Amino acid sequence: MANSNGSFGLRPIGKIGQSTNSTGMTEYRIASDNSNPIYQGMAVIPLAAGVIDDLQAAAGGNVSIVGVFGGCEYVSSTTGETVWSNYWPGSGADSNYPVKAFLYDDPNQLFVIATSNVVAGQNTEAEVRTSVFANIAFATGNSGSTTTGISSATADLNTVATTNTLALRIMGIQEDPENSDFTAAGIPLIVRINNHFNAPTGSIVAATVSTTGV
């Protein structure tokens, strides 16, 4: 039976070790003139202007990830009312007020992400388990649905490697009877973010690409 998982980006499920898992988020800012949609479950990067943005590259690129987008709050330029949204639509904010973004930004946060494909030699649980502790790239990381506001990010099994510049590290496979078909896309991988911007070993320089408004 095919897996029920579709594409939903990165979904927080726990923490490494025994630390408290509050699934709490930290407030950041999006530039009010940022025209890039940012979807719930999307990994995002820090910009030198002190704001966050989408990945800039479908597979993650080489910029350290600062967290995973959980939603945003802004004042509508049309109604003047405060809007809470699953995603930043890329327009519609009153520039006199901040666009607040909320991120799962703990470097020890674990996420589940669905695979996008089927790969020869990885068609059983035992075969896929050989990829645990290796790294993996997004199949697509910077797109989503404007209807649900949810990211369409998935992980690409073809990219599994020891290369530490890949966006994610595989930490396990989620036990889920509805998504246990290893011959189909939608395998639920447990991952953490590689080279997290907030980690002690993470990048100390934010991306120089930037929009102007804050």
Protein backbone atom coordinates (compact mmCIF):
# COMPACT_ATOMS: atom_id res chain seq x y z
CA MET A 1 0.00 0.00 0.00
CA ALA A 2 1.37 3.43 -0.93
CA ASN A 3 2.27 5.80 1.88
CA SER A 4 -0.28 8.39 2.96
CA ASN A 5 2.38 11.06 3.42
CA GLY A 6 2.40 13.92 0.99
CA SER A 7 4.83 16.82 1.10
CA PHE A 8 4.71 18.94 4.24
CA GLY A 9 8.22 20.25 4.78
CA LEU A 10 9.89 19.85 8.15
CA ARG A 11 7.55 18.97 11.02
CA PRO A 12 8.98 19.24 14.56
CA ILE A 13 8.68 16.01 16.56
CA GLY A 14 11.19 16.12 19.41
CA LYS A 15 14.69 16.96 20.58
CA ILE A 16 17.99 15.15 20.60
CA GLY A 17 18.59 13.57 24.01
CA GLN A 18 16.27 14.04 26.98
CA SER A 19 15.88 17.82 26.94
CA THR A 20 12.38 19.28 27.31
CA ASN A 21 10.51 19.36 24.02
CA SER A 22 8.28 22.42 24.19
CA THR A 23 8.18 22.85 20.38
CA GLY A 24 8.63 26.50 21.26
CA MET A 25 9.44 29.09 18.63
CA THR A 26 11.56 32.24 18.61
CA GLU A 27 10.51 35.54 17.05
CA TYR A 28 12.50 36.89 14.09
CA ARG A 29 11.72 39.47 11.39
CA ILE A 30 10.87 39.34 7.69
CA ALA A 31 11.54 42.42 5.57
CA SER A 32 8.17 43.98 4.75
CA ASP A 33 9.18 44.28 1.08
CA ASN A 34 10.36 40.67 0.82
CA SER A 35 8.44 39.23 -2.14
CA ASN A 36 9.53 35.61 -1.54
CA PRO A 37 6.73 33.45 -0.07
CA ILE A 38 7.82 31.58 3.06
CA TYR A 39 5.76 28.52 3.99
CA GLN A 40 5.15 26.71 7.26
CA GLY A 41 7.67 23.87 7.50
CA MET A 42 10.20 25.61 5.25
CA ALA A 43 13.82 25.90 6.33
CA VAL A 44 14.95 29.53 6.28
CA ILE A 45 18.24 31.40 6.26
CA PRO A 46 19.50 34.52 8.06
CA LEU A 47 20.30 37.62 6.01
CA ALA A 48 22.90 40.26 6.79
CA ALA A 49 20.12 42.84 7.18
CA GLY A 50 18.96 41.07 10.35
CA VAL A 51 15.95 39.41 8.74
CA ILE A 52 15.18 35.89 7.53
CA ASP A 53 14.31 34.66 4.04
CA ASP A 54 13.59 31.48 2.10
CA LEU A 55 16.36 29.03 1.19
CA GLN A 56 17.19 30.78 -2.12
CA ALA A 57 17.91 27.31 -3.55
CA ALA A 58 15.60 24.31 -3.85
CA ALA A 59 18.12 21.85 -2.42
CA GLY A 60 19.21 24.13 0.38
CA GLY A 61 22.22 25.92 -1.05
CA ASN A 62 25.33 26.55 1.07
CA VAL A 63 23.99 29.12 3.55
CA SER A 64 23.50 27.91 7.13
CA ILE A 65 19.86 27.38 8.10
CA VAL A 66 18.66 29.37 11.13
CA GLY A 67 15.44 27.45 11.69
CA VAL A 68 12.14 26.22 10.31
CA PHE A 69 9.25 28.59 9.69
CA GLY A 70 6.19 28.08 11.86
CA GLY A 71 4.11 31.11 10.88
CA CYS A 72 4.04 34.89 10.93
CA GLU A 73 2.19 37.92 12.19
CA TYR A 74 1.82 41.24 10.38
CA VAL A 75 -0.51 44.19 9.98
CA SER A 76 -2.50 44.10 6.74
CA SER A 77 -1.91 47.08 4.46
CA THR A 78 -5.51 46.69 3.25
CA THR A 79 -7.54 46.31 6.44
CA GLY A 80 -5.15 47.62 9.08
CA GLU A 81 -5.84 44.49 11.13
CA THR A 82 -3.29 42.07 12.56
CA VAL A 83 -3.00 38.90 10.50
CA TRP A 84 -1.71 35.54 11.75
CA SER A 85 -0.78 33.24 8.89
CA ASN A 86 0.78 29.82 8.26
CA TYR A 87 2.90 31.48 5.61
CA TRP A 88 4.31 34.80 4.49
CA PRO A 89 2.60 35.52 1.12
CA GLY A 90 5.28 37.90 -0.13
CA SER A 91 3.12 41.05 0.05
CA GLY A 92 0.26 42.67 1.91
CA ALA A 93 2.02 44.01 5.01
CA ASP A 94 1.85 47.59 6.26
CA SER A 95 5.50 48.67 6.23
CA ASN A 96 4.93 50.84 9.30
CA TYR A 97 4.76 47.68 11.41
CA PRO A 98 7.15 44.73 11.74
CA VAL A 99 6.53 41.41 10.04
CA LYS A 100 7.14 38.89 12.81
CA ALA A 101 8.31 35.41 11.89
CA PHE A 102 8.27 32.50 14.33
CA LEU A 103 10.91 29.81 13.90
CA TYR A 104 11.76 26.45 15.39
CA ASP A 105 15.37 27.48 15.82
CA ASP A 106 16.87 25.06 18.37
CA PRO A 107 19.89 23.29 16.81
CA ASN A 108 18.85 20.14 18.69
CA GLN A 109 15.33 20.09 17.25
CA LEU A 110 14.36 16.94 15.37
CA PHE A 111 11.95 17.00 12.44
CA VAL A 112 10.17 14.49 10.26
CA ILE A 113 10.23 14.96 6.48
CA ALA A 114 8.80 12.76 3.73
CA THR A 115 10.94 11.36 0.95
CA SER A 116 10.12 12.42 -2.59
CA ASN A 117 11.21 9.35 -4.49
CA VAL A 118 12.10 5.68 -4.65
CA VAL A 119 15.72 4.65 -5.14
CA ALA A 120 17.08 1.30 -6.28
CA GLY A 121 18.66 -0.57 -3.39
CA GLN A 122 16.58 1.32 -0.81
CA ASN A 123 13.27 -0.52 -1.03
CA THR A 124 13.13 -2.09 2.42
CA GLU A 125 13.39 -0.70 5.94
CA ALA A 126 16.76 -2.40 6.41
CA GLU A 127 18.11 -0.83 3.22
CA VAL A 128 16.83 2.66 4.06
CA ARG A 129 18.21 2.30 7.59
CA THR A 130 21.72 2.18 6.15
CA SER A 131 21.21 5.87 5.37
CA VAL A 132 20.75 6.76 9.04
CA PHE A 133 23.58 9.08 10.21
CA ALA A 134 24.27 10.10 6.61
CA ASN A 135 23.27 13.44 5.14
CA ILE A 136 20.56 14.30 2.62
CA ALA A 137 19.43 17.27 0.52
CA PHE A 138 15.97 18.61 -0.10
CA ALA A 139 14.31 17.46 -3.30
CA THR A 140 12.52 20.78 -3.19
CA GLY A 141 12.86 23.20 -0.33
CA ASN A 142 11.57 26.62 -1.34
CA SER A 143 8.00 26.04 -2.51
CA GLY A 144 4.60 25.40 -0.96
CA SER A 145 0.84 25.81 -1.16
CA THR A 146 -0.83 29.21 -1.03
CA THR A 147 -4.05 27.40 -0.09
CA THR A 148 -2.80 25.65 3.04
CA GLY A 149 0.32 27.72 3.66
CA ILE A 150 2.29 24.48 4.08
CA SER A 151 5.73 23.84 2.60
CA SER A 152 6.07 21.21 -0.13
CA ALA A 153 9.65 20.37 0.88
CA THR A 154 10.68 16.72 0.68
CA ALA A 155 13.97 14.84 0.99
CA ASP A 156 15.77 13.35 -2.01
CA LEU A 157 17.03 9.80 -1.38
CA ASN A 158 19.29 10.09 -4.42
CA THR A 159 21.44 12.62 -2.56
CA VAL A 160 22.26 10.53 0.54
CA ALA A 161 25.99 10.92 1.24
CA THR A 162 28.53 11.71 3.93
CA THR A 163 28.88 15.23 2.48
CA ASN A 164 28.36 17.55 5.46
CA THR A 165 27.23 20.50 3.34
CA LEU A 166 23.94 18.75 2.60
CA ALA A 167 21.07 20.45 4.41
CA LEU A 168 19.89 17.61 6.66
CA ARG A 169 21.28 14.72 8.69
CA ILE A 170 19.17 11.55 8.92
CA MET A 171 18.75 10.49 12.55
CA GLY A 172 16.18 7.73 12.15
CA ILE A 173 12.95 6.55 10.55
CA GLN A 174 9.60 7.38 12.15
CA GLU A 175 7.51 4.34 13.02
CA ASP A 176 4.20 4.96 11.26
CA PRO A 177 1.95 2.15 9.99
CA GLU A 178 0.33 4.51 7.47
CA ASN A 179 3.73 5.31 5.97
CA SER A 180 5.64 2.04 6.11
CA ASP A 181 5.82 1.22 2.40
CA PHE A 182 9.52 1.43 1.59
CA THR A 183 8.86 0.84 -2.11
CA ALA A 184 7.06 4.19 -2.41
CA ALA A 185 7.68 7.89 -1.83
CA GLY A 186 6.61 9.33 1.52
CA ILE A 187 8.97 7.44 3.85
CA PRO A 188 9.06 9.51 7.08
CA LEU A 189 12.68 10.31 7.89
CA ILE A 190 13.68 11.82 11.22
CA VAL A 191 16.26 14.52 10.56
CA ARG A 192 18.08 17.44 12.12
CA ILE A 193 19.48 20.52 10.41
CA ASN A 194 23.12 20.30 9.38
CA ASN A 195 25.46 23.24 10.07
CA HIS A 196 22.74 25.08 11.98
CA PHE A 197 23.38 28.83 12.19
CA ASN A 198 22.70 28.76 15.96
CA ALA A 199 24.96 25.79 16.67
CA PRO A 200 28.41 26.41 18.21
CA THR A 201 30.00 25.09 15.02
CA GLY A 202 27.57 26.87 12.68
CA SER A 203 28.36 29.66 10.26
CA ILE A 204 29.08 33.03 11.89
CA VAL A 205 28.16 35.01 8.77
CA ALA A 206 24.64 35.53 7.49
CA ALA A 207 23.85 35.56 3.78
CA THR A 208 24.61 38.86 2.08
CA VAL A 209 21.55 38.69 -0.17
CA SER A 210 19.02 41.08 1.32
CA THR A 211 15.87 43.08 0.92
CA THR A 212 15.74 46.58 2.31
CA GLY A 213 12.67 46.96 4.48
CA VAL A 214 12.39 45.60 8.00
